N, C-alpha and C. Protein backbone atom coordinates (compact mmCIF):
# COMPACT_ATOMS: atom_id res chain seq x y z
N UNK A 1 -23.74 17.42 12.28
CA UNK A 1 -23.59 16.35 11.14
C UNK A 1 -23.78 14.99 11.86
N UNK A 2 -24.33 14.85 13.04
CA UNK A 2 -24.57 13.72 13.63
C UNK A 2 -25.57 12.98 13.01
N UNK A 3 -25.57 11.71 12.81
CA UNK A 3 -26.54 10.75 12.18
C UNK A 3 -27.53 10.43 13.35
N UNK A 4 -28.85 10.68 13.09
CA UNK A 4 -29.94 10.29 14.00
C UNK A 4 -30.42 8.96 13.63
N UNK A 5 -31.06 8.34 14.59
CA UNK A 5 -31.64 7.15 14.41
C UNK A 5 -32.70 7.18 13.20
N UNK A 6 -33.24 8.34 12.90
CA UNK A 6 -34.25 8.36 11.76
C UNK A 6 -33.66 8.45 10.39
N UNK A 7 -32.39 8.78 10.47
CA UNK A 7 -31.72 8.85 9.08
C UNK A 7 -30.95 7.60 8.80
N UNK A 8 -30.98 7.32 7.37
CA UNK A 8 -30.09 6.14 6.93
C UNK A 8 -28.75 6.50 6.77
N UNK A 9 -27.75 5.60 7.18
CA UNK A 9 -26.38 6.05 6.97
C UNK A 9 -26.10 6.61 5.59
N UNK A 10 -25.43 7.53 5.28
CA UNK A 10 -25.03 8.12 4.01
C UNK A 10 -23.52 7.77 3.56
N UNK A 11 -23.41 7.65 2.42
CA UNK A 11 -21.94 7.55 1.76
C UNK A 11 -21.39 9.06 1.79
N UNK A 12 -20.14 9.07 2.31
CA UNK A 12 -19.52 10.20 2.36
C UNK A 12 -18.58 10.33 0.92
N UNK A 13 -18.64 11.44 0.27
CA UNK A 13 -17.85 11.73 -0.84
C UNK A 13 -16.57 11.96 -0.51
N UNK A 14 -15.50 11.26 -1.15
CA UNK A 14 -14.13 11.55 -0.95
C UNK A 14 -13.47 12.42 -1.90
N UNK A 15 -12.48 13.19 -1.52
CA UNK A 15 -11.54 13.86 -2.55
C UNK A 15 -10.97 12.88 -3.37
N UNK A 16 -10.80 13.09 -4.66
CA UNK A 16 -10.23 12.21 -5.69
C UNK A 16 -8.68 12.48 -5.53
N UNK A 17 -8.16 13.35 -4.89
CA UNK A 17 -6.77 13.54 -4.90
C UNK A 17 -6.11 13.60 -3.60
N UNK A 18 -6.83 13.73 -2.59
CA UNK A 18 -6.31 13.86 -1.17
C UNK A 18 -6.16 12.34 -0.55
N UNK A 19 -5.11 11.87 -0.15
CA UNK A 19 -4.81 10.64 0.42
C UNK A 19 -5.39 10.51 1.92
N UNK A 20 -5.84 9.31 2.24
CA UNK A 20 -6.16 9.09 3.72
C UNK A 20 -5.02 8.10 4.12
N UNK A 21 -4.32 8.59 5.27
CA UNK A 21 -3.20 7.74 5.60
C UNK A 21 -3.32 7.42 7.10
N UNK A 22 -2.76 6.20 7.41
CA UNK A 22 -2.61 5.71 8.81
C UNK A 22 -1.45 4.72 8.86
N UNK A 23 -0.90 4.67 10.22
CA UNK A 23 0.11 3.81 10.45
C UNK A 23 -0.34 3.16 11.77
N UNK A 24 -0.03 1.83 11.89
CA UNK A 24 -0.34 1.13 13.08
C UNK A 24 1.00 0.37 13.59
N UNK A 25 0.73 -0.02 14.77
CA UNK A 25 1.79 -0.86 15.36
C UNK A 25 1.57 -2.37 14.82
N UNK A 26 2.36 -3.32 15.28
CA UNK A 26 2.27 -4.67 14.80
C UNK A 26 0.76 -5.24 15.31
N UNK A 27 0.21 -4.71 16.25
CA UNK A 27 -1.23 -5.29 16.66
C UNK A 27 -2.43 -4.66 15.97
N UNK A 28 -1.92 -3.65 15.09
CA UNK A 28 -3.06 -2.85 14.45
C UNK A 28 -3.62 -1.73 15.13
N UNK A 29 -2.99 -1.15 16.23
CA UNK A 29 -3.39 0.06 16.96
C UNK A 29 -2.83 1.25 16.38
N UNK A 30 -3.64 2.26 16.04
CA UNK A 30 -3.19 3.45 15.41
C UNK A 30 -2.11 4.17 15.96
N UNK A 31 -1.06 4.31 15.18
CA UNK A 31 0.01 5.31 15.88
C UNK A 31 0.13 6.55 15.09
N UNK A 32 -0.37 6.70 13.78
CA UNK A 32 -0.34 7.92 13.14
C UNK A 32 -1.58 8.11 11.99
N UNK A 33 -2.19 9.15 12.07
CA UNK A 33 -3.26 9.35 11.05
C UNK A 33 -3.09 10.81 10.52
N UNK A 34 -3.39 10.98 9.11
CA UNK A 34 -3.20 12.30 8.77
C UNK A 34 -4.54 13.13 8.96
N UNK A 35 -4.44 14.32 8.91
CA UNK A 35 -5.75 15.22 9.20
C UNK A 35 -6.90 14.71 8.34
N UNK A 36 -6.57 14.48 7.04
CA UNK A 36 -7.71 14.17 6.35
C UNK A 36 -8.49 12.71 6.76
N UNK A 37 -7.83 11.87 7.21
CA UNK A 37 -8.42 10.54 7.84
C UNK A 37 -9.33 11.12 8.87
N UNK A 38 -8.88 11.72 9.88
CA UNK A 38 -9.81 12.34 10.98
C UNK A 38 -10.93 13.10 10.48
N UNK A 39 -10.74 13.95 9.54
CA UNK A 39 -11.93 14.74 8.89
C UNK A 39 -12.89 13.84 8.46
N UNK A 40 -12.49 12.65 7.72
CA UNK A 40 -13.52 11.80 6.85
C UNK A 40 -14.23 10.93 7.97
N UNK A 41 -13.42 10.38 8.79
CA UNK A 41 -14.10 9.48 9.79
C UNK A 41 -14.89 10.01 10.98
N UNK A 42 -14.48 11.37 11.29
CA UNK A 42 -15.36 12.00 12.28
C UNK A 42 -14.71 11.88 13.70
N UNK A 43 -13.74 11.08 13.67
CA UNK A 43 -12.89 10.99 15.11
C UNK A 43 -11.80 11.99 15.22
N UNK A 44 -11.60 12.42 16.28
CA UNK A 44 -10.50 13.32 16.52
C UNK A 44 -9.10 12.50 16.41
N UNK A 45 -7.96 13.21 16.29
CA UNK A 45 -6.71 12.42 16.33
C UNK A 45 -6.55 11.91 17.62
N UNK A 46 -6.98 12.62 18.70
CA UNK A 46 -6.76 12.08 19.93
C UNK A 46 -7.46 10.68 20.17
N UNK A 47 -8.80 10.60 19.69
CA UNK A 47 -9.60 9.41 19.73
C UNK A 47 -8.93 8.39 18.87
N UNK A 48 -8.41 8.65 17.82
CA UNK A 48 -7.85 7.53 16.85
C UNK A 48 -6.48 7.10 17.45
N UNK A 49 -5.76 7.87 17.86
CA UNK A 49 -4.25 7.44 18.38
C UNK A 49 -4.50 6.45 19.51
N UNK A 50 -3.84 5.30 19.12
CA UNK A 50 -3.83 4.29 20.32
C UNK A 50 -5.02 3.26 20.15
N UNK A 51 -5.93 3.78 19.36
CA UNK A 51 -7.29 2.92 19.23
C UNK A 51 -6.88 1.82 18.15
N UNK A 52 -7.56 0.75 18.23
CA UNK A 52 -7.37 -0.31 17.12
C UNK A 52 -8.04 0.07 15.77
N UNK A 53 -7.37 -0.19 14.76
CA UNK A 53 -7.83 0.21 13.42
C UNK A 53 -9.37 -0.09 13.17
N UNK A 54 -9.69 -1.26 13.87
CA UNK A 54 -11.11 -1.75 13.70
C UNK A 54 -12.09 -0.80 14.22
N UNK A 55 -11.70 0.40 14.64
CA UNK A 55 -12.63 1.40 15.11
C UNK A 55 -13.45 1.84 13.98
N UNK A 56 -12.98 1.74 12.61
CA UNK A 56 -13.65 2.19 11.60
C UNK A 56 -14.16 1.06 10.74
N UNK A 57 -14.15 -0.05 11.22
CA UNK A 57 -14.47 -1.20 10.40
C UNK A 57 -16.04 -1.21 10.21
N UNK A 58 -16.39 -1.35 9.01
CA UNK A 58 -17.86 -1.47 8.70
C UNK A 58 -18.35 -2.82 8.97
N UNK A 59 -19.56 -3.08 9.42
CA UNK A 59 -20.12 -4.36 9.49
C UNK A 59 -20.43 -5.07 8.16
N UNK A 60 -20.36 -4.21 7.06
CA UNK A 60 -20.66 -4.84 5.67
C UNK A 60 -19.35 -5.49 5.13
N UNK A 61 -18.26 -5.27 5.80
CA UNK A 61 -17.02 -5.81 5.30
C UNK A 61 -16.70 -7.27 5.79
N UNK A 62 -16.60 -8.06 4.72
CA UNK A 62 -16.31 -9.45 5.14
C UNK A 62 -14.95 -9.74 5.92
N UNK A 63 -15.12 -10.43 7.04
CA UNK A 63 -13.80 -10.71 7.95
C UNK A 63 -12.71 -11.43 7.14
N UNK A 64 -13.11 -12.11 6.05
CA UNK A 64 -12.20 -13.04 5.24
C UNK A 64 -11.14 -11.95 4.47
N UNK A 65 -11.71 -10.84 4.11
CA UNK A 65 -10.73 -9.76 3.38
C UNK A 65 -9.72 -9.54 4.61
N UNK A 66 -9.85 -9.29 5.89
CA UNK A 66 -9.00 -8.78 6.76
C UNK A 66 -8.17 -9.94 7.24
N UNK A 67 -8.83 -11.28 7.15
CA UNK A 67 -7.80 -12.32 7.38
C UNK A 67 -6.72 -12.33 6.19
N UNK A 68 -7.06 -12.45 5.07
CA UNK A 68 -6.22 -12.26 3.81
C UNK A 68 -5.25 -11.12 4.01
N UNK A 69 -5.76 -9.95 4.37
CA UNK A 69 -4.84 -8.74 4.67
C UNK A 69 -3.84 -9.19 5.65
N UNK A 70 -4.23 -9.58 6.86
CA UNK A 70 -3.15 -9.79 7.86
C UNK A 70 -2.18 -11.07 7.45
N UNK A 71 -2.72 -11.97 6.82
CA UNK A 71 -1.64 -13.08 6.30
C UNK A 71 -0.73 -12.48 5.39
N UNK A 72 -1.20 -11.61 4.43
CA UNK A 72 -0.28 -10.95 3.46
C UNK A 72 0.78 -10.04 4.04
N UNK A 73 0.12 -9.09 4.90
CA UNK A 73 1.40 -8.16 5.33
C UNK A 73 2.08 -8.67 6.46
N UNK A 74 1.74 -9.60 7.21
CA UNK A 74 2.69 -10.37 8.14
C UNK A 74 3.77 -11.22 7.33
N UNK A 75 3.37 -11.56 6.17
CA UNK A 75 4.38 -12.19 5.17
C UNK A 75 5.06 -11.09 4.40
N UNK A 76 5.15 -9.85 4.73
CA UNK A 76 5.91 -8.82 4.05
C UNK A 76 5.34 -8.48 2.59
N UNK A 77 4.14 -9.01 2.29
CA UNK A 77 3.54 -8.81 1.04
C UNK A 77 2.46 -7.60 1.08
N UNK A 78 2.66 -6.58 0.21
CA UNK A 78 1.61 -5.45 0.07
C UNK A 78 0.37 -6.14 -0.30
N UNK A 79 -0.73 -5.38 0.00
CA UNK A 79 -2.15 -5.88 -0.37
C UNK A 79 -2.97 -4.71 -0.74
N UNK A 80 -3.70 -4.65 -1.90
CA UNK A 80 -4.58 -3.85 -2.36
C UNK A 80 -5.95 -4.25 -2.05
N UNK A 81 -6.84 -3.42 -1.44
CA UNK A 81 -8.23 -3.90 -1.26
C UNK A 81 -9.23 -2.73 -1.44
N UNK A 82 -10.50 -3.14 -1.62
CA UNK A 82 -11.54 -2.25 -1.66
C UNK A 82 -12.12 -2.33 -0.39
N UNK A 83 -12.35 -1.25 0.45
CA UNK A 83 -12.84 -1.30 1.75
C UNK A 83 -13.96 -0.38 2.03
N UNK A 84 -14.95 -0.83 2.63
CA UNK A 84 -15.93 0.01 3.12
C UNK A 84 -15.67 0.26 4.56
N UNK A 85 -15.51 1.66 4.92
CA UNK A 85 -15.27 2.08 6.30
C UNK A 85 -16.51 2.74 6.99
N UNK A 86 -16.49 2.79 8.40
CA UNK A 86 -17.63 3.33 9.08
C UNK A 86 -17.06 4.65 9.58
N UNK A 87 -17.94 5.79 9.61
CA UNK A 87 -17.54 6.93 10.38
C UNK A 87 -18.12 6.81 11.81
N UNK A 88 -17.64 7.94 12.62
CA UNK A 88 -18.06 7.84 13.93
C UNK A 88 -19.53 7.99 14.14
N UNK A 89 -20.31 8.69 13.13
CA UNK A 89 -21.74 8.89 13.31
C UNK A 89 -22.41 7.79 12.49
N UNK A 90 -21.70 6.78 11.92
CA UNK A 90 -22.47 5.71 11.38
C UNK A 90 -22.53 5.81 9.83
N UNK A 91 -22.00 6.90 9.22
CA UNK A 91 -22.11 7.01 7.81
C UNK A 91 -20.93 6.02 7.37
N UNK A 92 -20.68 5.94 5.99
CA UNK A 92 -19.64 5.12 5.48
C UNK A 92 -18.93 5.85 4.26
N UNK A 93 -17.81 5.26 3.86
CA UNK A 93 -17.10 5.70 2.86
C UNK A 93 -16.37 4.47 2.21
N UNK A 94 -16.09 4.48 0.89
CA UNK A 94 -15.48 3.48 0.18
C UNK A 94 -14.12 3.88 -0.18
N UNK A 95 -13.07 3.05 0.11
CA UNK A 95 -11.70 3.37 -0.29
C UNK A 95 -11.02 2.18 -1.01
N UNK A 96 -10.11 2.66 -1.90
CA UNK A 96 -8.95 1.60 -2.28
C UNK A 96 -7.94 1.79 -1.38
N UNK A 97 -7.35 0.74 -0.80
CA UNK A 97 -6.39 0.82 0.17
C UNK A 97 -5.31 0.04 -0.17
N UNK A 98 -4.09 0.54 0.01
CA UNK A 98 -2.86 -0.26 -0.27
C UNK A 98 -2.32 -0.44 1.16
N UNK A 99 -2.10 -1.72 1.62
CA UNK A 99 -1.45 -2.04 2.92
C UNK A 99 -0.05 -2.48 2.76
N UNK A 100 0.76 -1.93 3.55
CA UNK A 100 2.30 -2.41 3.41
C UNK A 100 2.88 -2.42 4.79
N UNK A 101 3.78 -3.27 4.87
CA UNK A 101 4.64 -3.54 6.06
C UNK A 101 5.62 -2.33 6.18
N UNK A 102 5.86 -1.83 7.31
CA UNK A 102 6.84 -0.75 7.54
C UNK A 102 7.92 -1.42 8.50
N UNK A 103 9.07 -0.83 8.34
CA UNK A 103 10.27 -1.14 9.01
C UNK A 103 10.99 0.04 9.56
N UNK A 104 11.64 0.03 10.84
CA UNK A 104 12.29 1.02 11.17
C UNK A 104 13.40 1.43 10.34
N UNK A 105 13.57 2.91 10.06
CA UNK A 105 14.59 3.34 9.08
C UNK A 105 15.96 2.94 9.34
N UNK A 106 16.36 2.78 10.62
CA UNK A 106 17.58 2.48 10.99
C UNK A 106 18.07 1.02 11.35
N UNK A 107 17.13 0.57 12.20
CA UNK A 107 17.29 -0.89 12.77
C UNK A 107 16.79 -1.85 11.80
N UNK A 108 16.00 -1.30 10.84
CA UNK A 108 15.24 -2.31 9.85
C UNK A 108 14.41 -3.32 10.44
N UNK A 109 13.87 -3.08 11.64
CA UNK A 109 13.29 -3.98 12.41
C UNK A 109 11.76 -3.78 11.91
N UNK A 110 10.94 -4.90 11.79
CA UNK A 110 9.47 -4.82 11.37
C UNK A 110 8.83 -4.02 12.69
N UNK A 111 8.04 -2.81 12.27
CA UNK A 111 7.48 -2.05 13.41
C UNK A 111 5.98 -1.90 13.12
N UNK A 112 5.51 -2.25 12.15
CA UNK A 112 4.02 -1.97 11.91
C UNK A 112 3.57 -1.93 10.55
N UNK A 113 2.49 -1.16 10.30
CA UNK A 113 1.87 -1.17 9.08
C UNK A 113 1.51 0.12 8.49
N UNK A 114 1.31 0.28 7.17
CA UNK A 114 0.85 1.54 6.70
C UNK A 114 -0.39 1.19 5.79
N UNK A 115 -1.35 2.16 5.88
CA UNK A 115 -2.34 2.08 4.89
C UNK A 115 -2.45 3.38 4.19
N UNK A 116 -2.40 3.26 2.85
CA UNK A 116 -2.69 4.41 1.99
C UNK A 116 -4.03 4.17 1.29
N UNK A 117 -4.84 5.31 1.41
CA UNK A 117 -6.16 4.98 0.79
C UNK A 117 -6.58 6.26 0.02
N UNK A 118 -7.29 5.98 -1.03
CA UNK A 118 -8.00 7.01 -1.79
C UNK A 118 -9.40 6.62 -2.12
N UNK A 119 -10.17 7.54 -2.70
CA UNK A 119 -11.53 7.18 -3.20
C UNK A 119 -11.58 5.96 -4.07
N UNK A 120 -12.55 5.02 -3.76
CA UNK A 120 -12.64 3.79 -4.63
C UNK A 120 -13.54 4.33 -5.79
N UNK A 121 -13.32 3.68 -6.76
CA UNK A 121 -14.04 4.11 -8.09
C UNK A 121 -15.54 3.54 -7.93
N UNK A 122 -16.47 4.29 -8.43
CA UNK A 122 -17.97 3.79 -8.42
C UNK A 122 -18.18 2.40 -9.01
N UNK A 123 -17.46 2.17 -10.12
CA UNK A 123 -17.70 0.93 -10.70
C UNK A 123 -17.18 -0.23 -9.94
N UNK A 124 -16.14 -0.23 -9.38
CA UNK A 124 -15.48 -1.18 -8.31
C UNK A 124 -16.37 -1.43 -7.20
N UNK A 125 -17.00 -0.31 -6.65
CA UNK A 125 -17.99 -0.45 -5.54
C UNK A 125 -19.04 -1.15 -5.94
N UNK A 126 -19.77 -0.86 -7.14
CA UNK A 126 -20.90 -1.49 -7.64
C UNK A 126 -20.70 -3.00 -7.90
N UNK A 127 -19.37 -3.37 -8.43
CA UNK A 127 -19.01 -4.70 -8.51
C UNK A 127 -18.76 -5.40 -7.28
N UNK A 128 -18.15 -4.81 -6.40
CA UNK A 128 -17.61 -5.76 -5.10
C UNK A 128 -18.76 -5.73 -4.18
N UNK A 129 -19.73 -4.81 -4.09
CA UNK A 129 -20.63 -4.77 -2.97
C UNK A 129 -21.70 -6.30 -2.98
N UNK A 130 -22.00 -6.73 -4.01
CA UNK A 130 -22.77 -8.06 -4.13
C UNK A 130 -21.88 -9.13 -3.52
N UNK A 131 -20.74 -9.12 -3.89
CA UNK A 131 -19.76 -10.10 -3.44
C UNK A 131 -19.31 -10.15 -1.93
N UNK A 132 -19.19 -8.87 -1.44
CA UNK A 132 -18.95 -8.63 -0.03
C UNK A 132 -20.40 -9.09 0.67
N UNK A 133 -21.38 -8.67 0.15
CA UNK A 133 -22.62 -9.14 1.04
C UNK A 133 -22.82 -10.54 1.11
N UNK A 134 -22.44 -11.33 -0.03
CA UNK A 134 -22.44 -12.86 0.11
C UNK A 134 -21.66 -13.35 0.91
N UNK A 135 -20.38 -12.84 1.07
CA UNK A 135 -19.24 -13.28 1.93
C UNK A 135 -19.74 -13.15 3.43
N UNK A 136 -20.20 -11.95 3.73
CA UNK A 136 -20.77 -11.62 5.16
C UNK A 136 -21.80 -12.52 5.51
N UNK A 137 -22.77 -12.89 4.58
CA UNK A 137 -23.80 -13.83 4.86
C UNK A 137 -23.40 -15.19 5.17
N UNK A 138 -22.38 -15.63 4.35
CA UNK A 138 -21.75 -16.88 4.46
C UNK A 138 -21.08 -17.04 5.95
N UNK A 139 -20.28 -15.97 6.21
CA UNK A 139 -19.77 -15.81 7.54
C UNK A 139 -20.56 -16.08 8.62
N UNK A 140 -21.85 -15.23 8.46
CA UNK A 140 -22.88 -15.32 9.55
C UNK A 140 -23.56 -16.80 9.83
N UNK A 141 -23.68 -17.46 8.68
CA UNK A 141 -24.35 -18.65 8.65
C UNK A 141 -23.39 -20.02 8.75
N UNK A 142 -22.24 -19.88 8.07
CA UNK A 142 -21.40 -20.85 8.10
C UNK A 142 -20.04 -20.82 8.58
N UNK A 143 -19.59 -19.44 8.88
CA UNK A 143 -18.34 -19.20 9.25
C UNK A 143 -17.19 -18.79 8.37
N UNK A 144 -16.13 -18.47 8.84
CA UNK A 144 -15.04 -17.83 8.09
C UNK A 144 -14.38 -18.79 7.03
N UNK A 145 -14.35 -20.06 7.26
CA UNK A 145 -13.79 -20.95 6.49
C UNK A 145 -14.59 -21.12 5.27
N UNK A 146 -16.02 -21.19 5.56
CA UNK A 146 -16.95 -21.34 4.29
C UNK A 146 -16.80 -20.14 3.33
N UNK A 147 -16.64 -19.04 3.97
CA UNK A 147 -16.63 -17.68 3.32
C UNK A 147 -15.34 -17.71 2.41
N UNK A 148 -14.30 -18.08 3.11
CA UNK A 148 -12.99 -18.03 2.31
C UNK A 148 -13.02 -19.11 1.10
N UNK A 149 -13.69 -20.24 1.46
CA UNK A 149 -13.85 -21.26 0.16
C UNK A 149 -14.73 -20.54 -0.96
N UNK A 150 -15.63 -19.93 -0.52
CA UNK A 150 -16.49 -19.27 -1.63
C UNK A 150 -15.72 -18.39 -2.16
N UNK A 151 -15.15 -17.46 -1.48
CA UNK A 151 -14.15 -16.34 -2.32
C UNK A 151 -13.06 -16.95 -3.12
N UNK A 152 -12.40 -18.01 -2.64
CA UNK A 152 -11.29 -18.52 -3.62
C UNK A 152 -11.93 -19.22 -4.75
N UNK A 153 -13.29 -19.74 -4.74
CA UNK A 153 -13.92 -20.44 -5.80
C UNK A 153 -14.36 -19.27 -6.71
N UNK A 154 -14.88 -18.04 -6.16
CA UNK A 154 -15.17 -17.00 -7.10
C UNK A 154 -14.04 -16.49 -7.89
N UNK A 155 -12.90 -16.39 -7.16
CA UNK A 155 -11.71 -16.01 -7.99
C UNK A 155 -11.26 -17.02 -9.09
N UNK A 156 -11.39 -18.36 -8.88
CA UNK A 156 -11.15 -19.33 -9.75
C UNK A 156 -12.10 -19.23 -10.94
N UNK A 157 -13.34 -18.99 -10.63
CA UNK A 157 -14.36 -18.64 -11.77
C UNK A 157 -14.18 -17.67 -12.57
N UNK A 158 -13.53 -16.59 -12.03
CA UNK A 158 -12.96 -15.31 -12.68
C UNK A 158 -11.83 -15.64 -13.56
N UNK A 159 -11.05 -16.82 -13.18
CA UNK A 159 -9.75 -17.13 -13.74
C UNK A 159 -8.74 -15.93 -13.43
N UNK A 160 -8.91 -15.48 -12.19
CA UNK A 160 -7.91 -14.41 -11.75
C UNK A 160 -7.35 -14.76 -10.31
N UNK A 161 -6.17 -14.24 -10.08
CA UNK A 161 -5.89 -14.32 -8.69
C UNK A 161 -6.30 -13.03 -7.95
N UNK A 162 -6.20 -13.05 -6.74
CA UNK A 162 -6.80 -11.93 -5.95
C UNK A 162 -6.17 -10.59 -6.47
N UNK A 163 -4.85 -10.35 -6.68
CA UNK A 163 -4.32 -9.17 -7.01
C UNK A 163 -4.77 -8.60 -8.41
N UNK A 164 -4.87 -9.50 -9.27
CA UNK A 164 -5.31 -9.30 -10.68
C UNK A 164 -6.61 -8.80 -10.61
N UNK A 165 -7.53 -9.55 -9.93
CA UNK A 165 -9.02 -9.14 -9.77
C UNK A 165 -9.14 -7.69 -9.14
N UNK A 166 -8.41 -7.36 -7.96
CA UNK A 166 -8.62 -6.11 -7.37
C UNK A 166 -8.02 -5.07 -8.19
N UNK A 167 -6.79 -5.21 -8.78
CA UNK A 167 -6.25 -4.06 -9.74
C UNK A 167 -7.08 -3.87 -10.88
N UNK A 168 -7.85 -4.93 -11.40
CA UNK A 168 -8.63 -4.63 -12.47
C UNK A 168 -10.05 -3.83 -12.03
N UNK A 169 -10.45 -4.20 -10.90
CA UNK A 169 -11.56 -3.46 -10.41
C UNK A 169 -11.31 -1.91 -10.00
N UNK A 170 -10.10 -1.85 -9.37
CA UNK A 170 -9.63 -0.41 -9.07
C UNK A 170 -9.09 0.33 -10.11
N UNK A 171 -8.99 -0.22 -11.17
CA UNK A 171 -8.28 0.39 -12.41
C UNK A 171 -6.85 0.91 -11.94
N UNK A 172 -6.06 0.02 -11.21
CA UNK A 172 -4.77 0.18 -10.73
C UNK A 172 -3.84 0.22 -11.74
N UNK A 173 -3.69 1.22 -12.37
CA UNK A 173 -2.75 1.50 -13.66
C UNK A 173 -2.83 3.07 -13.78
N UNK A 174 -1.84 3.43 -14.65
CA UNK A 174 -1.96 4.89 -15.04
C UNK A 174 -1.90 5.82 -13.82
N UNK A 175 -3.06 6.66 -13.81
CA UNK A 175 -2.94 7.71 -12.74
C UNK A 175 -3.20 7.08 -11.45
N UNK A 176 -3.91 6.07 -11.20
CA UNK A 176 -4.23 5.52 -9.89
C UNK A 176 -2.89 4.86 -9.40
N UNK A 177 -2.28 4.12 -10.17
CA UNK A 177 -0.90 3.59 -9.75
C UNK A 177 0.10 4.74 -9.41
N UNK A 178 0.09 5.73 -10.39
CA UNK A 178 1.01 7.05 -10.06
C UNK A 178 0.66 7.66 -8.81
N UNK A 179 -0.60 7.81 -8.52
CA UNK A 179 -0.94 8.26 -7.23
C UNK A 179 -0.52 7.68 -5.97
N UNK A 180 -0.58 6.10 -5.99
CA UNK A 180 -0.19 5.43 -4.80
C UNK A 180 1.46 5.52 -4.87
N UNK A 181 2.02 5.40 -6.01
CA UNK A 181 3.50 5.46 -5.96
C UNK A 181 4.15 6.80 -5.59
N UNK A 182 3.24 8.00 -5.84
CA UNK A 182 3.83 9.21 -5.39
C UNK A 182 3.67 9.39 -3.98
N UNK A 183 2.59 8.93 -3.52
CA UNK A 183 2.36 9.10 -2.00
C UNK A 183 3.40 8.11 -1.40
N UNK A 184 3.64 6.96 -1.68
CA UNK A 184 4.58 6.06 -1.18
C UNK A 184 5.92 6.71 -1.21
N UNK A 185 6.41 7.40 -2.21
CA UNK A 185 7.65 8.03 -2.31
C UNK A 185 7.72 9.17 -1.29
N UNK A 186 6.62 9.90 -1.24
CA UNK A 186 6.86 11.15 -0.18
C UNK A 186 6.93 10.57 1.24
N UNK A 187 6.17 9.33 1.55
CA UNK A 187 6.26 8.81 2.80
C UNK A 187 7.62 8.19 2.97
N UNK A 188 8.05 7.53 2.14
CA UNK A 188 9.44 6.82 2.32
C UNK A 188 10.50 7.72 2.51
N UNK A 189 10.41 8.91 1.80
CA UNK A 189 11.44 9.91 1.82
C UNK A 189 11.71 10.52 3.23
N UNK A 190 10.43 10.87 3.86
CA UNK A 190 10.29 11.40 5.31
C UNK A 190 9.69 10.34 6.16
N UNK A 191 10.45 9.12 6.31
CA UNK A 191 9.76 8.01 6.82
C UNK A 191 9.85 8.15 8.47
N UNK A 192 9.27 9.25 8.92
CA UNK A 192 9.35 9.19 10.34
C UNK A 192 7.94 9.22 10.94
N UNK A 193 6.93 9.10 10.11
CA UNK A 193 5.51 9.18 10.62
C UNK A 193 5.26 7.92 11.40
């Protein structure tokens, strides 16, 4: 299943019901990943544990989205995002990701972050890809500040804040919201991962 130089990277089709889960320490190094995460990205659990989560970062992802994510989760705010990830062999997959801050169950001390993922809707991918491409181009030519300014202006033109924009794109309501809420409840009930 290795991707050769003669092949174009292909999109991996994800399960509509199986979550991809990972937890990191405060620096973003992977401390836990569920088997489906390993299966999808092509890295073994041993390769993933201790590695920076950026091991799966796709170059098509604008850095400004991760800047926003770090700012939000370090301020104890959850963040929903549409993310294109890269597999070990160079293929890719799109996910709707909910990032949240994790605390030790007894000491309540901030100890890391949790990422809950599910397959991103095709409509959301179609809509977000051109924006991400533009942001990456701006980052390459003018830097992250220019990319962030473009993105904030884009949201103003949409007359939406970031959360509203992403929730509308990902159809974060009904079954999608129920999916994330049920996975969160399961994880919080057995919060030892």
